[in-house]
């Protein structure tokens, strides 16, 4: 399970992240980063993991997010280049 400071740093990182997997638009959820093509906030996957849920549980609750997209975003967050 991730440590709280890692989750906090990951959330801060999400606000600077714009890729093929996620984006931020002031007109969508107040500019909170969302998974591309959805209105699912990126922080939701972090909330689920922090609560001890598995990725499959997140995907069951948010079927508009593909497994590949969720894994890609989590891999970017964990990347050693992000200093998280």
N, C-alpha and C. Protein backbone atom coordinates (compact mmCIF):
# COMPACT_ATOMS: atom_id res chain seq x y z
N UNK A 1 0.85 -1.18 0.00
CA UNK A 1 0.00 0.00 0.00
C UNK A 1 0.90 1.24 0.00
N UNK A 2 0.46 2.25 -0.71
CA UNK A 2 1.25 3.48 -0.82
C UNK A 2 1.24 4.25 0.49
N UNK A 3 2.32 4.94 0.75
CA UNK A 3 2.40 5.79 1.93
C UNK A 3 1.67 7.10 1.66
N UNK A 4 1.15 7.74 2.71
CA UNK A 4 0.37 8.97 2.55
C UNK A 4 1.14 10.07 1.82
N UNK A 5 2.43 10.26 2.14
CA UNK A 5 3.17 11.33 1.48
C UNK A 5 3.34 11.04 -0.01
N UNK A 6 3.42 9.76 -0.39
CA UNK A 6 3.52 9.41 -1.80
C UNK A 6 2.21 9.75 -2.51
N UNK A 7 1.08 9.49 -1.87
CA UNK A 7 -0.22 9.81 -2.45
C UNK A 7 -0.34 11.32 -2.63
N UNK A 8 0.04 12.10 -1.61
CA UNK A 8 -0.03 13.56 -1.70
C UNK A 8 0.83 14.07 -2.84
N UNK A 9 2.07 13.59 -2.93
CA UNK A 9 2.96 14.02 -4.00
C UNK A 9 2.42 13.61 -5.36
N UNK A 10 1.80 12.44 -5.44
CA UNK A 10 1.23 11.96 -6.69
C UNK A 10 0.09 12.86 -7.14
N UNK A 11 -0.73 13.29 -6.21
CA UNK A 11 -1.85 14.16 -6.56
C UNK A 11 -1.34 15.50 -7.07
N UNK A 12 -0.32 16.02 -6.45
CA UNK A 12 0.25 17.29 -6.91
C UNK A 12 0.80 17.12 -8.32
N UNK A 13 1.44 16.00 -8.58
CA UNK A 13 1.99 15.69 -9.90
C UNK A 13 0.90 15.65 -10.96
N UNK A 14 -0.28 15.13 -10.62
CA UNK A 14 -1.37 15.00 -11.59
C UNK A 14 -1.78 16.34 -12.17
N UNK A 15 -1.68 17.41 -11.39
CA UNK A 15 -2.11 18.71 -11.89
C UNK A 15 -1.20 19.24 -12.99
N UNK A 16 -0.01 18.71 -13.10
CA UNK A 16 0.92 19.14 -14.14
C UNK A 16 0.98 18.15 -15.29
N UNK A 17 0.16 17.11 -15.23
CA UNK A 17 0.23 16.02 -16.18
C UNK A 17 -0.79 16.20 -17.30
N UNK A 18 -0.32 16.30 -18.52
CA UNK A 18 -1.18 16.36 -19.69
C UNK A 18 -0.58 15.40 -20.72
N UNK A 19 -1.25 14.29 -20.94
CA UNK A 19 -0.74 13.28 -21.86
C UNK A 19 -1.90 12.74 -22.69
N UNK A 20 -1.63 11.71 -23.44
CA UNK A 20 -2.70 11.06 -24.19
C UNK A 20 -3.66 10.34 -23.25
N UNK A 21 -3.30 10.17 -21.99
CA UNK A 21 -4.13 9.46 -21.03
C UNK A 21 -4.95 10.35 -20.12
N UNK A 22 -4.59 11.62 -20.05
CA UNK A 22 -5.31 12.51 -19.14
C UNK A 22 -5.21 13.95 -19.62
N UNK A 23 -6.11 14.78 -19.10
CA UNK A 23 -6.09 16.19 -19.45
C UNK A 23 -6.83 16.99 -18.40
N UNK A 24 -6.68 18.29 -18.48
CA UNK A 24 -7.34 19.21 -17.57
C UNK A 24 -7.94 20.33 -18.40
N UNK A 25 -9.19 20.67 -18.07
CA UNK A 25 -9.89 21.74 -18.78
C UNK A 25 -10.70 22.49 -17.73
N UNK A 26 -10.56 23.81 -17.63
CA UNK A 26 -11.30 24.56 -16.62
C UNK A 26 -12.82 24.36 -16.69
N UNK A 27 -13.33 23.98 -17.84
CA UNK A 27 -14.76 23.76 -18.00
C UNK A 27 -15.23 22.37 -17.59
N UNK A 28 -14.30 21.49 -17.24
CA UNK A 28 -14.65 20.13 -16.84
C UNK A 28 -14.16 19.91 -15.42
N UNK A 29 -15.09 19.71 -14.52
CA UNK A 29 -14.80 19.46 -13.10
C UNK A 29 -13.86 20.51 -12.51
N UNK A 30 -14.05 21.74 -12.91
CA UNK A 30 -13.27 22.84 -12.35
C UNK A 30 -11.79 22.78 -12.66
N UNK A 31 -11.43 22.06 -13.72
CA UNK A 31 -10.02 21.97 -14.10
C UNK A 31 -9.27 20.82 -13.46
N UNK A 32 -9.96 20.02 -12.65
CA UNK A 32 -9.30 18.85 -12.06
C UNK A 32 -8.92 17.88 -13.18
N UNK A 33 -7.72 17.30 -13.15
CA UNK A 33 -7.30 16.38 -14.19
C UNK A 33 -8.24 15.17 -14.25
N UNK A 34 -8.60 14.78 -15.47
CA UNK A 34 -9.48 13.63 -15.69
C UNK A 34 -8.83 12.68 -16.68
N UNK A 35 -9.29 11.42 -16.65
CA UNK A 35 -8.85 10.46 -17.65
C UNK A 35 -9.39 10.91 -19.01
N UNK A 36 -8.55 10.84 -20.02
CA UNK A 36 -8.91 11.28 -21.36
C UNK A 36 -10.20 10.62 -21.82
N UNK A 37 -11.10 11.43 -22.38
CA UNK A 37 -12.35 10.92 -22.91
C UNK A 37 -13.41 10.61 -21.87
N UNK A 38 -13.16 10.99 -20.61
CA UNK A 38 -14.11 10.73 -19.53
C UNK A 38 -14.26 11.98 -18.67
N UNK A 39 -15.11 11.86 -17.68
CA UNK A 39 -15.20 12.89 -16.64
C UNK A 39 -14.78 12.27 -15.30
N UNK A 40 -13.98 11.23 -15.36
CA UNK A 40 -13.50 10.55 -14.15
C UNK A 40 -12.22 11.24 -13.69
N UNK A 41 -12.27 11.88 -12.50
CA UNK A 41 -11.07 12.55 -12.00
C UNK A 41 -9.93 11.56 -11.77
N UNK A 42 -8.73 11.99 -12.13
CA UNK A 42 -7.55 11.15 -11.95
C UNK A 42 -7.34 10.81 -10.48
N UNK A 43 -7.68 11.73 -9.60
CA UNK A 43 -7.45 11.48 -8.18
C UNK A 43 -8.29 10.31 -7.67
N UNK A 44 -9.33 9.95 -8.40
CA UNK A 44 -10.19 8.86 -7.96
C UNK A 44 -9.43 7.54 -7.89
N UNK A 45 -8.56 7.29 -8.86
CA UNK A 45 -7.78 6.04 -8.82
C UNK A 45 -6.83 6.07 -7.62
N UNK A 46 -6.29 7.23 -7.29
CA UNK A 46 -5.42 7.33 -6.12
C UNK A 46 -6.21 7.15 -4.84
N UNK A 47 -7.42 7.71 -4.79
CA UNK A 47 -8.28 7.53 -3.62
C UNK A 47 -8.57 6.05 -3.40
N UNK A 48 -8.86 5.33 -4.48
CA UNK A 48 -9.16 3.90 -4.37
C UNK A 48 -7.96 3.11 -3.86
N UNK A 49 -6.81 3.39 -4.41
CA UNK A 49 -5.60 2.67 -3.98
C UNK A 49 -5.26 3.01 -2.54
N UNK A 50 -5.39 4.28 -2.18
CA UNK A 50 -5.12 4.69 -0.80
C UNK A 50 -6.07 3.98 0.17
N UNK A 51 -7.31 3.74 -0.26
CA UNK A 51 -8.30 3.06 0.58
C UNK A 51 -8.07 1.55 0.63
N UNK A 52 -7.10 1.06 -0.15
CA UNK A 52 -6.78 -0.36 -0.13
C UNK A 52 -7.49 -1.17 -1.20
N UNK A 53 -8.17 -0.48 -2.12
CA UNK A 53 -8.86 -1.17 -3.21
C UNK A 53 -7.85 -1.60 -4.27
N UNK A 54 -8.23 -2.59 -5.03
CA UNK A 54 -7.42 -3.07 -6.15
C UNK A 54 -7.82 -2.30 -7.40
N UNK A 55 -6.96 -2.31 -8.38
CA UNK A 55 -7.25 -1.63 -9.64
C UNK A 55 -8.54 -2.18 -10.27
N UNK A 56 -8.75 -3.48 -10.15
CA UNK A 56 -9.97 -4.07 -10.72
C UNK A 56 -11.23 -3.46 -10.12
N UNK A 57 -11.20 -3.15 -8.84
CA UNK A 57 -12.36 -2.53 -8.20
C UNK A 57 -12.61 -1.14 -8.78
N UNK A 58 -11.55 -0.38 -8.96
CA UNK A 58 -11.68 0.94 -9.58
C UNK A 58 -12.29 0.81 -10.97
N UNK A 59 -11.77 -0.11 -11.77
CA UNK A 59 -12.25 -0.29 -13.14
C UNK A 59 -13.70 -0.76 -13.17
N UNK A 60 -14.10 -1.57 -12.21
CA UNK A 60 -15.50 -2.01 -12.12
C UNK A 60 -16.43 -0.82 -11.87
N UNK A 61 -15.98 0.12 -11.07
CA UNK A 61 -16.79 1.29 -10.74
C UNK A 61 -16.76 2.36 -11.83
N UNK A 62 -15.70 2.36 -12.63
CA UNK A 62 -15.53 3.39 -13.67
C UNK A 62 -15.19 2.73 -15.00
N UNK A 63 -16.18 2.07 -15.62
CA UNK A 63 -15.91 1.31 -16.85
C UNK A 63 -15.50 2.18 -18.04
N UNK A 64 -15.68 3.50 -17.95
CA UNK A 64 -15.25 4.37 -19.06
C UNK A 64 -13.73 4.54 -19.09
N UNK A 65 -13.05 4.13 -18.03
CA UNK A 65 -11.58 4.19 -17.99
C UNK A 65 -11.04 2.81 -18.36
N UNK A 66 -10.21 2.77 -19.38
CA UNK A 66 -9.65 1.48 -19.80
C UNK A 66 -8.54 1.05 -18.83
N UNK A 67 -8.34 -0.25 -18.75
CA UNK A 67 -7.26 -0.80 -17.91
C UNK A 67 -5.92 -0.24 -18.37
N UNK A 68 -5.69 -0.23 -19.67
CA UNK A 68 -4.41 0.26 -20.19
C UNK A 68 -4.17 1.72 -19.81
N UNK A 69 -5.21 2.53 -19.89
CA UNK A 69 -5.08 3.96 -19.55
C UNK A 69 -4.78 4.12 -18.07
N UNK A 70 -5.48 3.39 -17.21
CA UNK A 70 -5.25 3.48 -15.76
C UNK A 70 -3.83 3.03 -15.42
N UNK A 71 -3.40 1.94 -16.00
CA UNK A 71 -2.05 1.43 -15.74
C UNK A 71 -1.00 2.41 -16.23
N UNK A 72 -1.23 3.00 -17.40
CA UNK A 72 -0.29 3.98 -17.93
C UNK A 72 -0.13 5.18 -17.01
N UNK A 73 -1.24 5.68 -16.50
CA UNK A 73 -1.19 6.83 -15.60
C UNK A 73 -0.49 6.46 -14.29
N UNK A 74 -0.81 5.30 -13.74
CA UNK A 74 -0.15 4.88 -12.50
C UNK A 74 1.35 4.69 -12.72
N UNK A 75 1.73 4.18 -13.88
CA UNK A 75 3.16 4.01 -14.19
C UNK A 75 3.86 5.37 -14.28
N UNK A 76 3.18 6.37 -14.87
CA UNK A 76 3.78 7.71 -14.95
C UNK A 76 3.97 8.29 -13.55
N UNK A 77 3.00 8.07 -12.69
CA UNK A 77 3.09 8.58 -11.33
C UNK A 77 4.25 7.93 -10.59
N UNK A 78 4.46 6.66 -10.81
CA UNK A 78 5.52 5.92 -10.12
C UNK A 78 6.89 6.12 -10.74
N UNK A 79 6.96 6.72 -11.92
CA UNK A 79 8.22 6.88 -12.62
C UNK A 79 9.25 7.58 -11.74
N UNK A 80 10.48 7.04 -11.70
CA UNK A 80 11.52 7.69 -10.89
C UNK A 80 11.87 9.10 -11.40
N UNK A 81 11.50 9.41 -12.62
CA UNK A 81 11.78 10.74 -13.17
C UNK A 81 10.88 11.81 -12.57
N UNK A 82 9.83 11.40 -11.86
CA UNK A 82 8.89 12.36 -11.28
C UNK A 82 9.25 12.73 -9.84
N UNK A 83 10.29 12.12 -9.29
CA UNK A 83 10.73 12.41 -7.92
C UNK A 83 9.61 12.21 -6.90
N UNK A 84 8.79 11.18 -7.12
CA UNK A 84 7.72 10.88 -6.19
C UNK A 84 8.09 9.66 -5.37
